[in-house]
């Protein structure tokens, strides 16, 4: 299951996580983000227990977006032990997202 995180919960859910975290940065006005949301939900089920899947609305969470230098959406950032280890920007296929994640399973 994917979870929406915000500026209050980001550190607890992402930085302090015991397992790798896949963060989907999106915006409600972004067409590619809307198409990607269903894929991210499917990946959350497929990688349950191996990855935590979180999403961040960049318009509502400007501080997080700025801190992690999110310049375009959709953006995908993988964190391991609280550190960014991989990033992708722009529309990605299910296969491309799985390839990003499989590196850390």
N, C-alpha and C. Protein backbone atom coordinates (compact mmCIF):
# COMPACT_ATOMS: atom_id res chain seq x y z
N UNK A 1 0.84 -1.18 0.00
CA UNK A 1 0.00 0.00 0.00
C UNK A 1 0.89 1.24 0.00
N UNK A 2 0.54 2.22 -0.83
CA UNK A 2 1.32 3.45 -0.83
C UNK A 2 0.70 4.42 0.17
N UNK A 3 1.54 5.27 0.70
CA UNK A 3 1.04 6.23 1.68
C UNK A 3 1.45 7.64 1.30
N UNK A 4 0.56 8.57 1.51
CA UNK A 4 0.84 9.98 1.27
C UNK A 4 1.61 10.50 2.49
N UNK A 5 2.74 11.13 2.26
CA UNK A 5 3.49 11.73 3.35
C UNK A 5 3.54 13.23 3.15
N UNK A 6 3.76 13.93 4.23
CA UNK A 6 3.83 15.39 4.18
C UNK A 6 5.03 15.87 4.98
N UNK A 7 5.12 17.16 5.17
CA UNK A 7 6.28 17.73 5.85
C UNK A 7 6.38 17.27 7.31
N UNK A 8 5.28 16.91 7.92
CA UNK A 8 5.31 16.43 9.31
C UNK A 8 5.71 14.96 9.40
N UNK A 9 5.32 14.16 8.42
CA UNK A 9 5.55 12.71 8.50
C UNK A 9 6.73 12.22 7.67
N UNK A 10 7.32 13.07 6.84
CA UNK A 10 8.36 12.63 5.91
C UNK A 10 9.55 11.98 6.62
N UNK A 11 10.09 12.63 7.63
CA UNK A 11 11.26 12.06 8.31
C UNK A 11 10.94 10.71 8.95
N UNK A 12 9.81 10.63 9.61
CA UNK A 12 9.41 9.39 10.28
C UNK A 12 9.21 8.25 9.28
N UNK A 13 8.51 8.53 8.18
CA UNK A 13 8.16 7.47 7.24
C UNK A 13 9.26 7.16 6.23
N UNK A 14 10.06 8.16 5.87
CA UNK A 14 11.06 7.96 4.82
C UNK A 14 12.47 7.87 5.39
N UNK A 15 12.92 8.90 6.06
CA UNK A 15 14.29 8.96 6.54
C UNK A 15 14.57 7.90 7.60
N UNK A 16 13.63 7.66 8.50
CA UNK A 16 13.83 6.71 9.60
C UNK A 16 13.38 5.29 9.27
N UNK A 17 13.02 5.01 8.03
CA UNK A 17 12.51 3.69 7.66
C UNK A 17 13.60 2.62 7.73
N UNK A 18 13.21 1.43 8.18
CA UNK A 18 14.12 0.29 8.25
C UNK A 18 14.27 -0.43 6.91
N UNK A 19 13.38 -0.15 5.98
CA UNK A 19 13.46 -0.77 4.65
C UNK A 19 13.58 0.34 3.60
N UNK A 20 14.01 0.01 2.39
CA UNK A 20 14.11 1.04 1.34
C UNK A 20 12.76 1.72 1.11
N UNK A 21 12.82 2.98 0.72
CA UNK A 21 11.59 3.76 0.48
C UNK A 21 11.63 4.33 -0.92
N UNK A 22 10.56 4.11 -1.66
CA UNK A 22 10.37 4.66 -2.99
C UNK A 22 9.42 5.83 -2.84
N UNK A 23 9.88 7.05 -3.17
CA UNK A 23 9.04 8.24 -3.02
C UNK A 23 8.66 8.76 -4.40
N UNK A 24 7.36 8.90 -4.61
CA UNK A 24 6.77 9.39 -5.85
C UNK A 24 6.36 10.85 -5.61
N UNK A 25 7.07 11.78 -6.23
CA UNK A 25 6.75 13.20 -6.14
C UNK A 25 5.82 13.53 -7.31
N UNK A 26 4.67 14.11 -7.02
CA UNK A 26 3.65 14.34 -8.04
C UNK A 26 2.92 15.66 -7.80
N UNK A 27 2.08 16.02 -8.78
CA UNK A 27 1.21 17.20 -8.65
C UNK A 27 -0.13 16.87 -9.30
N UNK A 28 -1.19 17.45 -8.79
CA UNK A 28 -2.54 17.14 -9.27
C UNK A 28 -2.75 17.62 -10.71
N UNK A 29 -2.02 18.61 -11.15
CA UNK A 29 -2.17 19.15 -12.50
C UNK A 29 -1.33 18.40 -13.54
N UNK A 30 -0.54 17.43 -13.11
CA UNK A 30 0.41 16.71 -13.97
C UNK A 30 -0.25 15.47 -14.58
N UNK A 31 -0.43 15.48 -15.90
CA UNK A 31 -1.06 14.36 -16.59
C UNK A 31 -0.24 13.08 -16.46
N UNK A 32 1.06 13.18 -16.62
CA UNK A 32 1.93 11.99 -16.49
C UNK A 32 1.85 11.42 -15.08
N UNK A 33 1.72 12.29 -14.08
CA UNK A 33 1.59 11.82 -12.69
C UNK A 33 0.31 11.02 -12.52
N UNK A 34 -0.77 11.49 -13.09
CA UNK A 34 -2.05 10.79 -12.97
C UNK A 34 -1.96 9.41 -13.59
N UNK A 35 -1.30 9.30 -14.74
CA UNK A 35 -1.14 7.99 -15.39
C UNK A 35 -0.25 7.07 -14.56
N UNK A 36 0.70 7.64 -13.85
CA UNK A 36 1.67 6.85 -13.09
C UNK A 36 1.12 6.39 -11.74
N UNK A 37 0.14 7.08 -11.20
CA UNK A 37 -0.39 6.75 -9.87
C UNK A 37 -0.84 5.31 -9.75
N UNK A 38 -1.52 4.79 -10.76
CA UNK A 38 -2.01 3.41 -10.70
C UNK A 38 -0.85 2.42 -10.68
N UNK A 39 0.19 2.70 -11.47
CA UNK A 39 1.38 1.84 -11.50
C UNK A 39 2.05 1.84 -10.13
N UNK A 40 2.14 3.00 -9.51
CA UNK A 40 2.77 3.11 -8.19
C UNK A 40 1.97 2.29 -7.17
N UNK A 41 0.65 2.34 -7.24
CA UNK A 41 -0.19 1.53 -6.34
C UNK A 41 0.07 0.05 -6.54
N UNK A 42 0.18 -0.38 -7.80
CA UNK A 42 0.46 -1.79 -8.09
C UNK A 42 1.83 -2.19 -7.55
N UNK A 43 2.82 -1.33 -7.71
CA UNK A 43 4.16 -1.62 -7.20
C UNK A 43 4.16 -1.71 -5.67
N UNK A 44 3.34 -0.91 -5.04
CA UNK A 44 3.25 -0.95 -3.57
C UNK A 44 2.79 -2.33 -3.12
N UNK A 45 1.84 -2.91 -3.84
CA UNK A 45 1.38 -4.26 -3.50
C UNK A 45 2.45 -5.29 -3.81
N UNK A 46 3.08 -5.18 -4.96
CA UNK A 46 4.08 -6.14 -5.40
C UNK A 46 5.31 -6.15 -4.51
N UNK A 47 5.72 -4.98 -4.03
CA UNK A 47 6.94 -4.87 -3.22
C UNK A 47 6.65 -4.75 -1.73
N UNK A 48 5.43 -5.08 -1.33
CA UNK A 48 5.04 -4.99 0.08
C UNK A 48 6.03 -5.78 0.95
N UNK A 49 6.56 -5.12 1.97
CA UNK A 49 7.53 -5.74 2.87
C UNK A 49 8.96 -5.58 2.42
N UNK A 50 9.18 -5.30 1.13
CA UNK A 50 10.53 -5.08 0.60
C UNK A 50 10.83 -3.60 0.45
N UNK A 51 9.79 -2.82 0.19
CA UNK A 51 9.89 -1.38 -0.01
C UNK A 51 8.71 -0.72 0.66
N UNK A 52 8.92 0.47 1.14
CA UNK A 52 7.81 1.32 1.54
C UNK A 52 7.61 2.29 0.37
N UNK A 53 6.36 2.45 -0.04
CA UNK A 53 6.05 3.33 -1.16
C UNK A 53 5.31 4.55 -0.61
N UNK A 54 5.89 5.72 -0.84
CA UNK A 54 5.29 6.96 -0.35
C UNK A 54 5.11 7.93 -1.50
N UNK A 55 4.15 8.81 -1.35
CA UNK A 55 3.96 9.85 -2.36
C UNK A 55 3.93 11.21 -1.68
N UNK A 56 4.42 12.20 -2.41
CA UNK A 56 4.48 13.57 -1.91
C UNK A 56 3.88 14.49 -2.96
N UNK A 57 2.85 15.21 -2.59
CA UNK A 57 2.26 16.23 -3.46
C UNK A 57 3.16 17.47 -3.36
N UNK A 58 3.82 17.81 -4.47
CA UNK A 58 4.80 18.90 -4.43
C UNK A 58 4.16 20.27 -4.18
N UNK A 59 2.92 20.44 -4.57
CA UNK A 59 2.25 21.73 -4.35
C UNK A 59 1.89 21.94 -2.88
N UNK A 60 1.65 20.87 -2.15
CA UNK A 60 1.29 20.98 -0.74
C UNK A 60 2.49 20.85 0.18
N UNK A 61 3.62 20.42 -0.35
CA UNK A 61 4.80 20.14 0.47
C UNK A 61 6.04 20.78 -0.15
N UNK A 62 5.99 22.08 -0.22
CA UNK A 62 7.05 22.85 -0.88
C UNK A 62 8.40 22.66 -0.21
N UNK A 63 8.44 22.58 1.10
CA UNK A 63 9.72 22.46 1.83
C UNK A 63 10.42 21.16 1.46
N UNK A 64 9.69 20.05 1.41
CA UNK A 64 10.29 18.77 1.03
C UNK A 64 10.77 18.84 -0.43
N UNK A 65 9.93 19.37 -1.29
CA UNK A 65 10.28 19.46 -2.71
C UNK A 65 11.53 20.28 -2.92
N UNK A 66 11.63 21.36 -2.20
CA UNK A 66 12.81 22.21 -2.31
C UNK A 66 14.05 21.53 -1.71
N UNK A 67 13.89 20.90 -0.57
CA UNK A 67 15.02 20.23 0.09
C UNK A 67 15.63 19.16 -0.80
N UNK A 68 14.79 18.43 -1.53
CA UNK A 68 15.28 17.36 -2.39
C UNK A 68 15.39 17.78 -3.85
N UNK A 69 15.34 19.08 -4.09
CA UNK A 69 15.62 19.66 -5.41
C UNK A 69 14.74 19.04 -6.51
N UNK A 70 13.45 18.94 -6.22
CA UNK A 70 12.51 18.40 -7.20
C UNK A 70 12.17 19.52 -8.18
N UNK A 71 12.63 19.35 -9.41
CA UNK A 71 12.44 20.38 -10.44
C UNK A 71 11.38 20.01 -11.47
N UNK A 72 11.02 18.73 -11.51
CA UNK A 72 10.03 18.27 -12.46
C UNK A 72 9.24 17.12 -11.86
N UNK A 73 8.01 16.97 -12.33
CA UNK A 73 7.18 15.86 -11.89
C UNK A 73 6.67 15.11 -13.11
N UNK A 74 6.47 13.83 -12.98
CA UNK A 74 6.75 13.03 -11.81
C UNK A 74 8.25 12.85 -11.58
N UNK A 75 8.62 12.74 -10.31
CA UNK A 75 9.98 12.40 -9.92
C UNK A 75 9.89 11.22 -8.96
N UNK A 76 10.91 10.39 -9.01
CA UNK A 76 10.96 9.18 -8.20
C UNK A 76 12.31 9.14 -7.50
N UNK A 77 12.29 9.04 -6.18
CA UNK A 77 13.53 9.03 -5.42
C UNK A 77 13.50 7.82 -4.49
N UNK A 78 14.59 7.06 -4.49
CA UNK A 78 14.71 5.92 -3.60
C UNK A 78 15.67 6.29 -2.47
N UNK A 79 15.22 6.02 -1.25
CA UNK A 79 16.02 6.26 -0.05
C UNK A 79 16.35 4.93 0.61
N UNK A 80 17.59 4.75 1.01
CA UNK A 80 18.02 3.59 1.77
C UNK A 80 18.78 4.11 2.99
N UNK A 81 18.35 3.68 4.17
CA UNK A 81 18.95 4.15 5.42
C UNK A 81 18.97 5.68 5.50
N UNK A 82 17.89 6.29 5.04
CA UNK A 82 17.75 7.74 5.14
C UNK A 82 18.50 8.55 4.11
N UNK A 83 19.17 7.89 3.18
CA UNK A 83 19.97 8.59 2.16
C UNK A 83 19.39 8.34 0.78
N UNK A 84 19.40 9.38 -0.04
CA UNK A 84 18.98 9.21 -1.43
C UNK A 84 20.01 8.37 -2.16
N UNK A 85 19.54 7.31 -2.85
CA UNK A 85 20.46 6.43 -3.57
C UNK A 85 20.15 6.35 -5.06
N UNK A 86 18.98 6.79 -5.48
CA UNK A 86 18.61 6.70 -6.89
C UNK A 86 17.50 7.70 -7.16
N UNK A 87 17.51 8.25 -8.39
CA UNK A 87 16.50 9.24 -8.77
C UNK A 87 16.14 9.06 -10.23
N UNK A 88 14.86 9.27 -10.52
CA UNK A 88 14.37 9.31 -11.90
C UNK A 88 13.40 10.46 -12.04
N UNK A 89 13.42 11.10 -13.20
CA UNK A 89 12.53 12.24 -13.44
C UNK A 89 11.82 12.03 -14.77
N UNK A 90 10.54 12.37 -14.79
CA UNK A 90 9.76 12.25 -16.01
C UNK A 90 8.98 10.95 -16.04
N UNK A 91 8.08 10.85 -17.00
CA UNK A 91 7.24 9.67 -17.13
C UNK A 91 8.10 8.42 -17.30
N UNK A 92 7.76 7.39 -16.56
CA UNK A 92 8.48 6.11 -16.60
C UNK A 92 7.47 4.98 -16.74
N UNK A 93 7.89 3.95 -17.43
CA UNK A 93 7.04 2.77 -17.57
C UNK A 93 7.12 1.94 -16.29
N UNK A 94 6.21 1.00 -16.16
CA UNK A 94 6.24 0.08 -15.02
C UNK A 94 7.58 -0.64 -14.97
N UNK A 95 8.04 -1.10 -16.11
CA UNK A 95 9.31 -1.82 -16.20
C UNK A 95 10.47 -0.94 -15.73
N UNK A 96 10.49 0.32 -16.14
CA UNK A 96 11.56 1.23 -15.72
C UNK A 96 11.55 1.46 -14.21
N UNK A 97 10.37 1.60 -13.63
CA UNK A 97 10.27 1.79 -12.19
C UNK A 97 10.72 0.54 -11.44
N UNK A 98 10.33 -0.63 -11.95
CA UNK A 98 10.76 -1.89 -11.33
C UNK A 98 12.28 -2.03 -11.40
N UNK A 99 12.87 -1.65 -12.51
CA UNK A 99 14.33 -1.72 -12.64
C UNK A 99 15.01 -0.84 -11.60
N UNK A 100 14.45 0.35 -11.36
CA UNK A 100 14.99 1.23 -10.32
C UNK A 100 14.97 0.54 -8.97
N UNK A 101 13.84 -0.08 -8.66
CA UNK A 101 13.62 -0.66 -7.35
C UNK A 101 14.40 -1.97 -7.17
N UNK A 102 14.46 -2.78 -8.21
CA UNK A 102 15.08 -4.10 -8.10
C UNK A 102 16.55 -4.03 -7.72
N UNK A 103 17.17 -2.92 -8.00
CA UNK A 103 18.56 -2.72 -7.61
C UNK A 103 18.76 -2.77 -6.09
N UNK A 104 17.68 -2.53 -5.33
CA UNK A 104 17.79 -2.40 -3.88
C UNK A 104 16.99 -3.45 -3.12
N UNK A 105 16.53 -4.47 -3.79
CA UNK A 105 15.76 -5.55 -3.13
C UNK A 105 16.72 -6.64 -2.69
